[in-house]
Protein backbone atom coordinates (compact mmCIF):
# COMPACT_ATOMS: atom_id res chain seq x y z
CA MET A 1 13.91 -47.67 6.19
CA ASP A 2 16.21 -45.05 7.26
CA VAL A 3 15.75 -41.78 8.98
CA ASN A 4 16.87 -39.66 5.16
CA ARG A 5 13.92 -41.86 3.35
CA VAL A 6 11.57 -41.16 5.92
CA THR A 7 12.49 -37.77 6.09
CA ALA A 8 11.95 -37.47 2.49
CA LYS A 9 8.52 -39.50 2.21
CA ARG A 10 7.23 -36.64 5.59
CA MET A 11 8.24 -33.55 2.71
CA GLU A 12 6.17 -35.44 0.00
CA LYS A 13 3.12 -35.10 2.07
CA LEU A 14 3.67 -31.32 2.44
CA ASP A 15 2.41 -29.03 0.08
CA GLY A 16 4.25 -25.65 -0.83
CA PRO A 17 3.54 -22.64 0.23
CA THR A 18 0.33 -20.51 0.12
CA ASN A 19 2.12 -18.03 -2.29
CA PRO A 20 4.12 -19.79 -4.77
CA ILE A 21 6.60 -16.94 -5.22
CA VAL A 22 8.00 -17.85 -1.96
CA SER A 23 11.04 -19.82 -2.89
CA PRO A 24 14.54 -20.43 -2.14
CA LEU A 25 15.10 -16.38 -3.97
CA LEU A 26 12.70 -15.17 -1.50
CA THR A 27 15.77 -14.23 0.35
CA ASP A 28 18.22 -10.70 1.00
CA LEU A 29 21.40 -11.15 -1.57
CA TYR A 30 23.80 -11.07 2.12
CA GLN A 31 22.25 -14.50 2.61
CA PHE A 32 23.77 -16.38 -0.19
CA THR A 33 27.22 -13.96 -0.23
CA MET A 34 27.29 -15.60 3.47
CA ALA A 35 26.74 -19.12 2.44
CA TYR A 36 29.53 -18.59 0.08
CA ALA A 37 31.58 -17.43 2.33
CA TYR A 38 31.07 -19.91 4.86
CA TRP A 39 31.35 -22.55 1.78
CA LYS A 40 34.51 -20.93 0.79
CA ALA A 41 36.08 -21.27 4.47
CA GLY A 42 34.89 -24.61 4.78
CA LYS A 43 32.03 -23.71 7.50
CA HIS A 44 28.94 -24.41 5.69
CA LEU A 45 28.32 -27.76 7.25
CA GLU A 46 29.38 -26.82 10.69
CA ARG A 47 26.04 -27.39 13.11
CA ALA A 48 24.30 -24.08 13.97
CA VAL A 49 21.39 -23.24 16.33
CA PHE A 50 19.44 -20.18 15.75
CA ASP A 51 16.27 -18.30 17.36
CA LEU A 52 13.47 -16.99 16.29
CA PHE A 53 11.90 -13.93 18.22
CA PHE A 54 10.97 -10.50 19.07
CA ARG A 55 11.88 -8.27 21.64
CA LYS A 56 8.59 -6.34 22.26
CA ASN A 57 4.84 -6.65 21.71
CA PRO A 58 3.04 -4.98 19.40
CA PHE A 59 0.29 -2.17 19.32
CA GLY A 60 1.53 -1.13 23.18
CA GLY A 61 -0.29 -4.36 24.61
CA GLU A 62 1.58 -7.10 26.44
CA TYR A 63 0.86 -10.36 24.26
CA THR A 64 1.90 -11.66 21.03
CA ILE A 65 -0.63 -14.00 19.00
CA PHE A 66 2.52 -16.51 17.03
CA ALA A 67 1.25 -17.22 13.31
CA GLY A 68 3.03 -18.06 10.32
CA LEU A 69 4.88 -21.59 11.39
CA GLU A 70 2.85 -23.50 8.66
CA GLU A 71 3.78 -21.77 6.13
CA CYS A 72 7.61 -21.85 7.40
CA ILE A 73 7.26 -25.86 7.52
CA ARG A 74 5.67 -25.69 3.98
CA PHE A 75 8.58 -23.92 2.52
CA ILE A 76 11.65 -26.00 3.82
CA ALA A 77 9.94 -29.70 2.92
CA ASN A 78 9.72 -28.17 -0.31
CA PHE A 79 13.17 -26.24 -0.24
CA ARG A 80 15.15 -27.45 -3.30
CA LEU A 81 17.30 -24.64 -5.97
CA GLU A 82 15.53 -25.25 -9.42
CA GLU A 83 18.85 -24.88 -12.41
CA GLU A 84 17.49 -21.38 -13.61
CA GLU A 85 17.62 -20.29 -9.71
CA ILE A 86 20.93 -21.20 -9.17
CA ALA A 87 22.14 -19.76 -12.97
CA PHE A 88 20.40 -16.91 -12.26
CA LEU A 89 22.43 -16.67 -8.72
CA ARG A 90 25.55 -17.30 -10.92
CA SER A 91 24.58 -14.16 -12.86
CA VAL A 92 24.61 -11.42 -9.57
CA LEU A 93 27.32 -12.99 -7.42
CA PRO A 94 30.75 -11.74 -8.28
CA SER A 95 32.41 -13.34 -10.90
CA THR A 96 34.95 -14.10 -9.31
CA CYS A 97 32.65 -16.88 -6.62
CA ASP A 98 33.96 -20.86 -7.51
CA ALA A 99 32.15 -22.78 -9.67
CA GLY A 100 32.19 -25.22 -7.06
CA PHE A 101 29.86 -23.15 -4.76
CA PHE A 102 26.75 -23.58 -7.86
CA ASP A 103 27.40 -27.47 -7.73
CA TYR A 104 27.05 -27.73 -4.02
CA LEU A 105 23.84 -25.50 -4.01
CA GLU A 106 22.14 -27.69 -6.66
CA GLY A 107 22.29 -30.91 -4.02
CA VAL A 108 21.13 -28.49 -0.90
CA ASP A 109 17.69 -29.63 0.80
CA CYS A 110 16.59 -28.88 4.80
CA SER A 111 16.42 -33.08 5.14
CA ASP A 112 19.45 -32.06 7.40
CA VAL A 113 17.27 -28.84 9.43
CA GLU A 114 15.65 -29.05 12.18
CA VAL A 115 12.76 -26.97 13.43
CA TYR A 116 11.57 -26.55 17.12
CA ALA A 117 8.63 -24.62 17.64
CA ILE A 118 6.06 -22.65 19.96
CA PRO A 119 2.56 -24.34 18.41
CA GLU A 120 0.59 -22.12 15.71
CA GLY A 121 -2.24 -20.07 17.98
CA SER A 122 0.12 -19.59 21.16
CA ALA A 123 -0.16 -16.66 22.81
CA VAL A 124 3.72 -15.52 23.25
CA PHE A 125 5.92 -12.81 25.03
CA PRO A 126 9.40 -10.98 23.73
CA LYS A 127 12.75 -12.84 23.77
CA ILE A 128 11.03 -16.07 24.14
CA PRO A 129 12.21 -18.15 21.20
CA LEU A 130 9.63 -18.86 18.76
CA LEU A 131 11.25 -21.30 16.45
CA ARG A 132 14.56 -22.50 17.35
CA VAL A 133 16.31 -23.75 14.04
CA GLU A 134 19.46 -26.67 13.72
CA GLY A 135 21.25 -27.52 10.64
CA PRO A 136 23.90 -26.52 8.52
CA VAL A 137 25.03 -23.08 8.80
CA ALA A 138 24.65 -21.71 5.04
CA VAL A 139 21.26 -23.32 4.92
CA VAL A 140 20.19 -21.88 8.39
CA GLN A 141 21.38 -18.84 7.45
CA ILE A 142 19.45 -19.21 3.83
CA LEU A 143 16.47 -19.57 5.81
CA GLU A 144 16.28 -16.59 8.31
CA THR A 145 15.00 -13.36 5.39
CA PRO A 146 11.54 -16.07 4.33
CA PHE A 147 10.93 -17.31 8.06
CA LEU A 148 11.11 -13.42 8.90
CA ASN A 149 8.56 -12.65 6.13
CA LEU A 150 6.41 -15.54 7.15
CA ILE A 151 6.14 -14.86 10.50
CA ASN A 152 6.24 -10.99 11.20
CA TYR A 153 3.06 -10.27 9.22
CA GLY A 154 1.45 -13.47 10.32
CA SER A 155 1.69 -12.85 13.95
CA LEU A 156 1.41 -8.91 13.84
CA VAL A 157 -1.95 -9.83 12.00
CA ALA A 158 -3.25 -12.50 13.87
CA THR A 159 -2.44 -10.21 17.30
CA ASN A 160 -4.04 -7.39 15.89
CA ALA A 161 -7.26 -9.48 15.14
CA ALA A 162 -6.73 -11.03 18.54
CA ARG A 163 -6.96 -7.51 19.98
CA HIS A 164 -10.34 -6.61 18.15
CA ARG A 165 -12.05 -9.86 19.22
CA MET A 166 -11.07 -8.93 23.30
CA VAL A 167 -12.54 -5.77 22.70
CA ALA A 168 -15.54 -6.60 20.97
CA GLY A 169 -16.28 -9.76 23.13
CA LYS A 170 -17.25 -12.83 22.15
CA SER A 171 -21.04 -12.52 21.57
CA LYS A 172 -20.19 -10.03 18.61
CA GLY A 173 -19.57 -11.33 15.12
CA LEU A 174 -16.23 -9.90 13.41
CA LEU A 175 -16.04 -10.05 9.21
CA GLU A 176 -13.12 -9.42 7.71
CA PHE A 177 -13.65 -7.13 4.98
CA GLY A 178 -9.57 -5.95 3.95
CA LEU A 179 -8.69 -7.16 0.97
CA ARG A 180 -9.02 -4.31 -1.54
CA ARG A 181 -7.26 -2.71 1.30
CA ALA A 182 -4.53 -5.07 1.98
CA GLN A 183 -0.70 -4.78 0.77
CA GLY A 184 -1.33 -6.87 -2.35
CA PRO A 185 -2.92 -9.88 -3.01
CA ASP A 186 -0.55 -12.00 -0.50
CA GLY A 187 -1.31 -9.45 1.79
CA GLY A 188 -4.91 -9.80 1.54
CA ILE A 189 -4.88 -13.77 1.26
CA SER A 190 -2.54 -13.97 4.39
CA ALA A 191 -4.53 -11.33 6.52
CA SER A 192 -7.82 -13.06 6.04
CA LYS A 193 -5.39 -16.96 7.42
CA TYR A 194 -3.94 -14.79 9.85
CA CYS A 195 -7.58 -13.12 10.98
CA TYR A 196 -9.34 -16.01 11.56
CA ILE A 197 -6.90 -17.07 13.51
CA GLY A 198 -6.79 -14.23 15.74
CA GLY A 199 -10.42 -15.02 16.32
CA PHE A 200 -12.31 -13.26 13.52
CA ASP A 201 -15.75 -15.55 12.25
CA ALA A 202 -15.60 -14.92 8.46
CA THR A 203 -13.82 -13.64 5.87
CA SER A 204 -15.15 -11.73 2.68
CA ASN A 205 -11.93 -12.90 0.35
CA ILE A 206 -13.58 -15.84 -2.24
CA ALA A 207 -9.69 -17.01 -2.80
CA ALA A 208 -9.11 -17.26 1.08
CA GLY A 209 -12.31 -18.92 1.50
CA LYS A 210 -11.38 -21.53 -1.00
CA LYS A 211 -8.14 -22.44 0.15
CA PHE A 212 -8.26 -22.29 3.60
CA GLY A 213 -12.20 -23.44 3.89
CA ILE A 214 -12.85 -20.03 6.13
CA PRO A 215 -16.45 -19.42 6.24
CA LEU A 216 -17.48 -16.24 4.13
CA ARG A 217 -19.81 -13.56 4.31
CA GLY A 218 -20.67 -10.49 2.21
CA THR A 219 -24.19 -8.42 0.93
CA HIS A 220 -24.08 -5.67 -1.86
CA SER A 221 -22.33 -2.11 -1.91
CA HIS A 222 -23.92 1.32 -2.23
CA ALA A 223 -23.70 0.87 -6.50
CA PHE A 224 -26.19 -1.70 -6.32
CA VAL A 225 -28.66 0.34 -4.69
CA SER A 226 -28.12 3.15 -6.29
CA SER A 227 -28.15 1.45 -9.81
CA PHE A 228 -32.14 1.42 -9.64
CA THR A 229 -34.09 4.17 -10.30
CA SER A 230 -37.88 2.27 -9.66
CA PRO A 231 -39.66 -0.62 -9.23
CA ASP A 232 -40.82 -0.41 -12.71
CA GLU A 233 -36.95 -1.71 -13.63
CA ILE A 234 -38.26 -5.65 -12.01
CA ILE A 235 -39.07 -7.73 -14.40
CA ASP A 236 -39.45 -11.02 -13.03
CA LYS A 237 -41.72 -10.17 -10.21
CA VAL A 238 -42.39 -13.94 -8.78
CA LEU A 239 -40.85 -15.83 -6.01
CA PRO A 240 -41.37 -19.22 -5.04
CA ARG A 241 -42.15 -19.76 -1.62
CA CYS A 242 -39.86 -21.61 0.22
CA ASP A 243 -41.78 -24.44 1.61
CA ASN A 244 -43.45 -25.49 -1.53
CA PRO A 245 -41.88 -24.42 -5.14
CA ASP A 246 -44.82 -25.18 -6.95
CA SER A 247 -46.41 -22.10 -5.21
CA SER A 248 -45.52 -18.40 -6.26
CA GLU A 249 -46.43 -15.14 -5.62
CA ASP A 250 -46.25 -11.34 -6.44
CA PHE A 251 -43.17 -10.81 -4.76
CA VAL A 252 -42.92 -6.97 -5.68
CA SER A 253 -46.59 -6.63 -4.91
CA LEU A 254 -45.92 -8.58 -1.65
CA VAL A 255 -43.50 -5.55 -0.69
CA GLN A 256 -45.59 -2.70 -1.83
CA SER A 257 -48.33 -4.09 0.61
CA TRP A 258 -46.01 -4.24 4.07
CA LEU A 259 -44.66 -0.84 3.00
CA CYS A 260 -48.30 0.44 2.87
CA LYS A 261 -48.76 -1.60 6.16
CA LEU A 262 -45.71 -0.12 7.98
CA GLN A 263 -46.59 3.44 6.79
CA ALA A 264 -49.98 2.68 8.35
CA ALA A 265 -49.20 1.12 11.82
CA ASP A 266 -49.57 3.33 14.77
CA SER A 267 -46.58 2.18 16.60
CA LEU A 268 -44.68 3.47 13.58
CA ARG A 269 -46.36 6.67 13.07
CA GLY A 270 -44.06 9.70 12.44
CA THR A 271 -40.58 7.43 12.34
CA PHE A 272 -41.25 7.47 8.11
CA ARG A 273 -43.79 8.96 5.77
CA GLU A 274 -41.86 8.00 2.56
CA THR A 275 -39.52 6.09 1.47
CA ASN A 276 -36.89 6.58 -1.89
CA LEU A 277 -38.66 4.05 -3.96
CA SER A 278 -35.38 3.26 -6.11
CA GLU A 279 -33.79 1.49 -2.79
CA LEU A 280 -37.31 -0.53 -2.17
CA ALA A 281 -36.55 -1.50 -5.68
CA ALA A 282 -32.96 -2.65 -5.06
CA PHE A 283 -34.02 -4.24 -1.91
CA THR A 284 -36.70 -6.14 -3.79
CA SER A 285 -34.63 -7.28 -6.56
CA TYR A 286 -31.72 -8.51 -4.64
CA ALA A 287 -34.52 -10.18 -2.34
CA LEU A 288 -35.67 -12.19 -5.52
CA ALA A 289 -31.85 -13.13 -6.14
CA LEU A 290 -30.82 -14.31 -2.61
CA PRO A 291 -34.11 -14.92 -0.85
CA SER A 292 -32.48 -17.09 1.66
CA SER A 293 -29.47 -14.96 2.47
CA PHE A 294 -30.93 -11.38 2.21
CA LEU A 295 -29.30 -9.06 4.14
CA ALA A 296 -29.37 -5.40 3.38
CA LEU A 297 -27.33 -2.47 2.83
CA VAL A 298 -29.26 0.92 4.38
CA ASP A 299 -27.50 3.72 4.56
CA THR A 300 -27.36 4.69 0.70
CA TYR A 301 -30.17 7.75 1.48
CA ASP A 302 -31.59 7.93 4.87
CA VAL A 303 -31.13 5.07 7.31
CA VAL A 304 -34.00 5.71 9.76
CA ARG A 305 -36.51 7.55 7.03
CA SER A 306 -35.68 5.17 4.24
CA GLY A 307 -32.97 2.07 4.65
CA VAL A 308 -34.44 0.57 7.61
CA PRO A 309 -38.61 0.71 6.90
CA ASN A 310 -37.56 -0.53 3.00
CA PHE A 311 -35.54 -3.31 4.47
CA CYS A 312 -37.94 -4.42 6.82
CA ALA A 313 -41.33 -4.61 3.97
CA VAL A 314 -38.66 -7.09 1.81
CA ALA A 315 -38.57 -8.63 5.15
CA LEU A 316 -41.89 -9.37 5.83
CA ALA A 317 -42.76 -10.20 2.27
CA LEU A 318 -40.15 -12.82 2.86
CA ASN A 319 -41.20 -14.16 6.11
CA ASP A 320 -44.93 -14.46 4.24
CA LEU A 321 -43.37 -16.45 1.64
CA GLY A 322 -41.53 -18.82 4.52
CA TYR A 323 -37.89 -17.02 3.85
CA LYS A 324 -36.27 -15.72 7.00
CA ALA A 325 -34.06 -12.45 6.09
CA ASN A 326 -30.32 -11.62 7.73
CA GLY A 327 -30.42 -8.46 8.33
CA ILE A 328 -28.94 -5.27 7.56
CA ARG A 329 -25.58 -3.33 7.23
CA LEU A 330 -24.69 0.39 8.48
CA ASP A 331 -21.94 1.58 6.92
CA SER A 332 -22.21 5.32 7.78
CA GLY A 333 -22.97 8.12 10.68
CA ASP A 334 -23.44 7.62 14.29
CA LEU A 335 -23.19 3.50 14.36
CA ALA A 336 -24.73 3.39 18.05
CA TYR A 337 -27.59 5.79 17.15
CA LEU A 338 -28.16 4.36 14.04
CA SER A 339 -28.16 0.71 15.08
CA ILE A 340 -30.34 1.78 18.28
CA GLN A 341 -33.31 3.25 15.71
CA ALA A 342 -33.24 0.19 13.74
CA ARG A 343 -33.65 -2.39 17.09
CA LYS A 344 -36.55 0.02 17.72
CA PHE A 345 -38.09 -0.01 14.24
CA PHE A 346 -37.64 -4.28 14.34
CA CYS A 347 -38.93 -4.71 17.67
CA ALA A 348 -41.74 -2.19 17.21
CA VAL A 349 -42.67 -4.25 13.87
CA GLU A 350 -42.47 -7.59 15.82
CA THR A 351 -44.77 -6.31 18.35
CA GLU A 352 -47.71 -4.61 16.01
CA PHE A 353 -47.78 -7.47 13.09
CA GLY A 354 -46.83 -10.89 15.94
CA VAL A 355 -43.89 -11.69 13.35
CA SER A 356 -41.52 -13.74 15.73
CA GLY A 357 -37.52 -12.88 16.27
CA PHE A 358 -38.04 -10.39 14.09
CA GLY A 359 -36.95 -7.41 16.98
CA ASP A 360 -33.84 -9.39 16.83
CA MET A 361 -33.28 -9.27 13.24
CA LYS A 362 -29.03 -8.83 12.77
CA ILE A 363 -27.04 -5.72 12.23
CA THR A 364 -23.90 -5.41 11.19
CA ALA A 365 -21.74 -1.98 11.12
CA SER A 366 -18.72 -1.12 8.63
CA ASN A 367 -16.97 1.94 7.89
CA ASP A 368 -13.28 2.17 9.04
CA ILE A 369 -14.07 0.41 12.22
CA ASN A 370 -10.81 0.05 14.77
CA GLU A 371 -10.47 -1.68 18.13
CA GLU A 372 -10.58 2.62 19.34
CA THR A 373 -14.06 2.61 17.67
CA LEU A 374 -14.91 -0.81 18.97
CA ASP A 375 -13.83 0.24 22.54
CA ALA A 376 -15.97 3.84 22.41
CA LEU A 377 -19.24 1.33 21.06
CA ASN A 378 -18.86 -0.67 24.30
CA LYS A 379 -18.73 2.73 26.36
CA GLN A 380 -21.98 3.46 25.24
CA ALA A 381 -25.14 1.74 24.14
CA HIS A 382 -25.32 -0.08 20.95
CA GLU A 383 -27.54 -2.76 19.26
CA VAL A 384 -24.81 -4.42 17.06
CA ASP A 385 -24.86 -7.87 16.49
CA ALA A 386 -21.53 -7.62 13.97
CA PHE A 387 -18.71 -6.30 13.00
CA GLY A 388 -17.24 -5.63 9.52
CA ILE A 389 -13.33 -4.69 9.65
CA GLY A 390 -11.13 -3.62 7.04
CA THR A 391 -8.53 -1.08 6.27
CA HIS A 392 -7.28 -0.95 10.09
CA LEU A 393 -7.03 -4.72 10.33
CA VAL A 394 -5.53 -5.92 7.73
CA THR A 395 -3.20 -3.46 7.04
CA CYS A 396 -2.01 -2.96 10.75
CA TYR A 397 -2.35 0.81 10.51
CA ALA A 398 -1.35 0.82 14.51
CA GLN A 399 1.89 -0.77 14.36
CA PRO A 400 3.18 -1.65 10.94
CA ALA A 401 5.98 -4.51 11.64
CA LEU A 402 6.51 -6.93 14.63
CA GLY A 403 10.06 -6.83 14.42
CA CYS A 404 10.92 -9.96 14.75
CA VAL A 405 14.57 -11.13 14.64
CA PHE A 406 17.00 -14.07 13.69
CA LYS A 407 20.31 -14.21 15.75
CA LEU A 408 23.05 -17.18 16.21
CA VAL A 409 22.67 -18.93 19.63
CA GLU A 410 25.47 -21.84 19.32
CA ILE A 411 27.70 -23.43 16.36
CA ASN A 412 29.44 -26.29 16.80
CA ASN A 413 28.32 -26.90 20.31
CA GLN A 414 30.03 -23.39 21.53
CA PRO A 415 27.40 -21.26 22.80
CA ARG A 416 27.29 -17.49 20.68
CA ILE A 417 26.33 -14.42 21.61
CA LYS A 418 25.32 -10.88 20.52
CA LEU A 419 26.51 -7.72 22.41
CA SER A 420 25.28 -4.09 22.43
CA GLU A 421 24.75 -0.73 24.57
CA ASP A 422 21.47 -1.52 24.42
CA ILE A 423 20.60 -3.98 26.84
CA SER A 424 17.34 -5.08 25.29
CA LYS A 425 19.52 -6.25 21.75
CA VAL A 426 21.68 -8.66 23.92
CA SER A 427 20.72 -11.87 22.99
CA ILE A 428 20.73 -15.13 24.86
CA PRO A 429 23.12 -17.71 23.58
CA CYS A 430 22.81 -21.50 23.67
CA LYS A 431 20.62 -23.89 22.63
CA LYS A 432 17.29 -23.82 25.22
CA GLN A 433 14.01 -25.13 26.54
CA CYS A 434 11.21 -23.13 27.02
CA TYR A 435 8.55 -24.05 29.85
CA ARG A 436 5.34 -22.04 30.43
CA LEU A 437 4.54 -22.46 34.57
CA TYR A 438 1.10 -22.09 35.67
CA GLY A 439 0.26 -21.07 39.26
CA ARG A 440 -2.89 -22.17 41.89
CA GLU A 441 -5.38 -20.36 39.55
CA GLY A 442 -4.87 -21.47 36.12
CA TYR A 443 -3.07 -18.57 34.92
CA PRO A 444 0.39 -18.86 33.66
CA LEU A 445 2.84 -16.77 35.74
CA VAL A 446 6.06 -16.71 33.95
CA ASP A 447 7.89 -18.44 31.24
CA ILE A 448 11.16 -20.01 31.69
CA MET A 449 13.90 -20.45 29.83
CA THR A 450 16.94 -22.92 30.55
CA ALA A 451 19.56 -24.75 29.11
CA GLU A 452 18.84 -27.99 27.01
CA LYS A 453 20.85 -30.31 29.31
CA GLU A 454 19.13 -29.01 32.23
CA ALA A 455 16.53 -30.92 33.96
CA PRO A 456 13.22 -29.56 33.36
CA PRO A 457 10.87 -27.49 36.18
CA LYS A 458 8.83 -30.24 37.95
CA VAL A 459 5.66 -29.50 39.82
CA GLY A 460 5.47 -28.39 43.38
CA GLU A 461 9.04 -27.71 42.77
CA ARG A 462 10.16 -24.33 44.01
CA ILE A 463 12.12 -22.70 40.90
CA LEU A 464 14.24 -19.61 41.00
CA CYS A 465 13.13 -17.47 38.07
CA ARG A 466 15.82 -14.11 37.05
CA HIS A 467 15.66 -11.51 34.90
CA PRO A 468 17.94 -12.36 32.11
CA PHE A 469 19.70 -8.83 32.36
CA ASN A 470 18.44 -7.53 35.64
CA GLU A 471 20.26 -8.66 38.87
CA SER A 472 17.39 -7.28 41.19
CA LYS A 473 14.62 -9.05 39.59
CA ARG A 474 13.79 -12.38 40.67
CA ALA A 475 11.26 -14.77 42.08
CA TYR A 476 10.27 -18.05 43.48
CA VAL A 477 7.84 -20.05 41.50
CA VAL A 478 6.39 -23.56 42.90
CA PRO A 479 4.38 -24.61 39.50
CA GLN A 480 1.46 -26.28 39.56
CA ARG A 481 1.70 -26.90 35.84
CA VAL A 482 4.63 -27.17 33.68
CA GLU A 483 3.91 -26.35 29.71
CA GLU A 484 6.75 -27.52 27.49
CA LEU A 485 6.38 -24.94 24.63
CA LEU A 486 8.89 -25.69 22.21
CA LYS A 487 7.93 -28.99 19.88
CA CYS A 488 9.62 -30.44 16.60
CA TYR A 489 7.59 -29.83 13.58
CA TRP A 490 10.83 -30.97 11.64
CA PRO A 491 12.95 -33.47 12.50
CA GLY A 492 16.02 -33.53 9.87
CA LYS A 493 17.81 -37.03 10.49
CA SER A 494 17.40 -36.40 14.23
CA GLY A 495 14.99 -39.41 14.38
CA LYS A 496 12.51 -37.31 16.70
CA GLN A 497 8.91 -38.13 16.15
CA ARG A 498 7.61 -34.74 14.10
CA GLU A 499 4.60 -33.14 15.56
CA GLU A 500 1.68 -32.87 12.89
CA LEU A 501 0.87 -29.45 11.89
CA PRO A 502 -2.75 -27.70 13.26
CA THR A 503 -5.78 -27.55 11.46
CA LEU A 504 -6.39 -23.58 10.86
CA SER A 505 -9.89 -24.03 13.08
CA GLU A 506 -7.32 -25.67 15.68
CA SER A 507 -4.80 -23.07 15.36
CA ARG A 508 -7.51 -20.55 15.63
CA LYS A 509 -9.93 -22.56 19.01
CA ARG A 510 -5.57 -22.37 20.46
CA CYS A 511 -5.71 -18.72 20.18
CA MET A 512 -9.22 -18.45 21.88
CA GLU A 513 -8.46 -20.90 24.59
CA GLN A 514 -4.54 -19.19 24.99
CA LEU A 515 -6.32 -15.88 25.52
CA ASP A 516 -8.81 -17.19 28.47
CA GLN A 517 -6.10 -18.91 30.07
CA MET A 518 -4.30 -15.35 30.91
CA ARG A 519 -4.81 -13.20 33.67
CA PRO A 520 -7.14 -10.19 32.70
CA ASP A 521 -4.58 -7.54 33.56
CA HIS A 522 -1.89 -8.76 30.91
CA LEU A 523 -4.67 -8.59 28.47
CA ARG A 524 -6.18 -4.95 29.07
CA ARG A 525 -6.09 -2.30 26.39
CA LEU A 526 -4.82 0.45 28.67
CA ASN A 527 -1.41 0.19 30.84
CA PRO A 528 -1.38 -4.21 31.14
CA THR A 529 0.71 -5.39 33.39
CA PRO A 530 3.56 -6.77 31.53
CA TYR A 531 3.90 -10.89 31.76
CA LYS A 532 7.45 -12.04 32.92
CA VAL A 533 9.74 -14.36 31.06
CA SER A 534 13.05 -15.38 32.94
CA VAL A 535 15.40 -17.51 32.52
CA SER A 536 16.95 -20.02 35.00
CA ALA A 537 19.53 -19.51 37.63
CA GLU A 538 21.89 -21.75 36.09
CA LEU A 539 21.46 -20.25 32.57
CA TYR A 540 21.64 -16.76 34.09
CA ASP A 541 25.32 -17.75 35.72
CA PHE A 542 26.19 -18.36 32.06
CA ILE A 543 24.84 -15.47 30.38
CA HIS A 544 26.58 -13.16 32.36
CA PHE A 545 29.58 -15.31 32.36
CA LEU A 546 30.27 -15.44 28.68
CA TRP A 547 29.31 -11.71 28.37
CA LEU A 548 32.01 -10.62 30.09
CA ASN A 549 34.46 -13.59 28.53
CA GLU A 550 33.23 -11.98 24.93
CA ALA A 551 33.30 -8.03 25.83
CA PRO A 552 36.53 -6.26 25.29
CA VAL A 553 37.99 -4.98 28.23
CA GLY A 554 38.21 -0.82 27.83
CA GLU A 555 41.70 0.39 28.93
CA LEU A 556 41.43 4.36 30.69
CA GLN A 557 44.46 6.37 29.89
């Protein structure tokens, strides 16, 4: 079987992007005007190499989590211009365009494109290519905007999620509640996916749960609580026992009985007197409907004097019938103080009534939580077990964009460089390979770029690592482990083995493992140590040779 047929079979195995609006026309107009100009000049089939990378880590940090690769591969696997899309391009491009160009577009696909990428979920750093894309220049140029669209947001959200996970700690549950505040439906779906890669445990977004298999979590709103006025509204008051469905009890009476016991308990005396009975009715009704997953929102009226005691009465009644309540959610007020008070109440109930494990009841907090909130809670005592986070997470409120770019680095085997008076915007030319070098303690020390034809770094070999643009910044490294970063995820006609795309869970696991491998000072929130990104001595010399060759020489008069 020839390479083209192998590629075609591989293409058939991949579904299209998650969002069907991601099509060849999801790009900027100038990509097609350039494609026409390439075609008109007879350059459209010239072999080009582009790097996709970013220049600065987001959120004031020193790492980024790479995400969006799977969507890019799904996009090119299904890349084809339909008749109506070509007809639309004919209507928007200048009328002077040759008809032959549109005939050319009918046969365009990505079977001759190669994509090399760092695995999704990896910790990545500025200037290192996240993707290296090779192929006919006109086709690869058209891929620029959709690739940037798919990777910029995905990587930004995954990084934001990972930062929240780092601050919250491994033991805390993190729940993504951002759909209602996300930038449109696709922003909501994408955010759920990439928050999961970044370390969140679950989402409230049912569509994302169905699409990606992400665990779902949710309870009820304040509206549900305030919709009740009295326990008299509850019509069906009977709940079967968990261990014997044929045996049922009057659950409403059981809840009322437990509330009276709580009010009479010496250890709880003075904590509350009377609770809001409409809230009690809401909790009771919710437990009747969902006895195996009862989690109550307790701040509609008063957390300490009403919400927590009412929850406990219902939870204890459920316990009598063999069920176990999940816990409470706090959505307003002083979360640290209220969580401590709730925990004290739960522990007192366990001691007073001998209900084993009641003191460990889960406490979830929400209410516009962000990275700073988590950090502040960590610096004071609190008893929150899980955090529901929405707006600040999915909108990336602290920084709206990552800033990935897509730059030509080689055409027809000729290295190309983009120059700028701003050194940070000078590109690193030629087709490159990238490696991560690890030290004695197991931490990565430096990422190094080499020209593709250079011999790869070897374990135990003394390697000179140079800053690409600052001649005084250089260091020798003797790596104890060498990791090749760029893998072939789309081989085109090269005949190379294609790396399998990881599952979402595998990308999430990789993210967690990568952060565990990093030196702690690279990960800290304030004044993190920059991670070193370098080039080989040979590539350094070539960059500066090409720079001098390409830069015009000034003339003083």
